[in-house]
Amino acid sequence: MMQPARWFFPRIAAVALAAWSLAACAPHVQQSKPALEEIATGEGADMVKEPEKGPEPVIRSAEQERHQCCQQCAAAVAKDKSGDAPDKIPCVDFTADLKEECLVHFRKNAMMASQAQECAAQPAPAAPAADSESASVP
């Protein structure tokens, strides 16, 4: 009499291998994705979010931007605990205390902290005047 394990397991393995090879060789059907317009107008249209609008950018002159950045640098120097003289520290080194636009300003226009203190002590420049043509148009 033949042992069941001797003939049972090889047949199971052969059937499993055949099933796996048929599944692997079967043609794949790729489902088409719906167009963006269909998503926005069809089901789920209420879930489509409109892009968020940030605050309107404030239009400043170059002098106003320079003065604001000088004030930020001067405030950062006041908090500095390194003990270095302000004429030895560039403003761009105060990355934690400066806003991004001032970091960009100081990267383009190198300035030492002592110069920023002098600049911040001066009165702020006046805001740019509105164009007379645009003011007269109803």
Foldseek 3Di string as FASTA:
>chain_A
DDDCVVPPVVVVVVVVVVVVVCVVPDDDDDDDDDDPVCCCPPPVVVVDDDDDDDDDDDDFDPQQLLLVLLVQLLVLVVVDDPPDDQQVAKSLVSVVRGDPVSNVVCVVPIDTNVVSVVSNPDDHDDGDDDDPVVVPDD
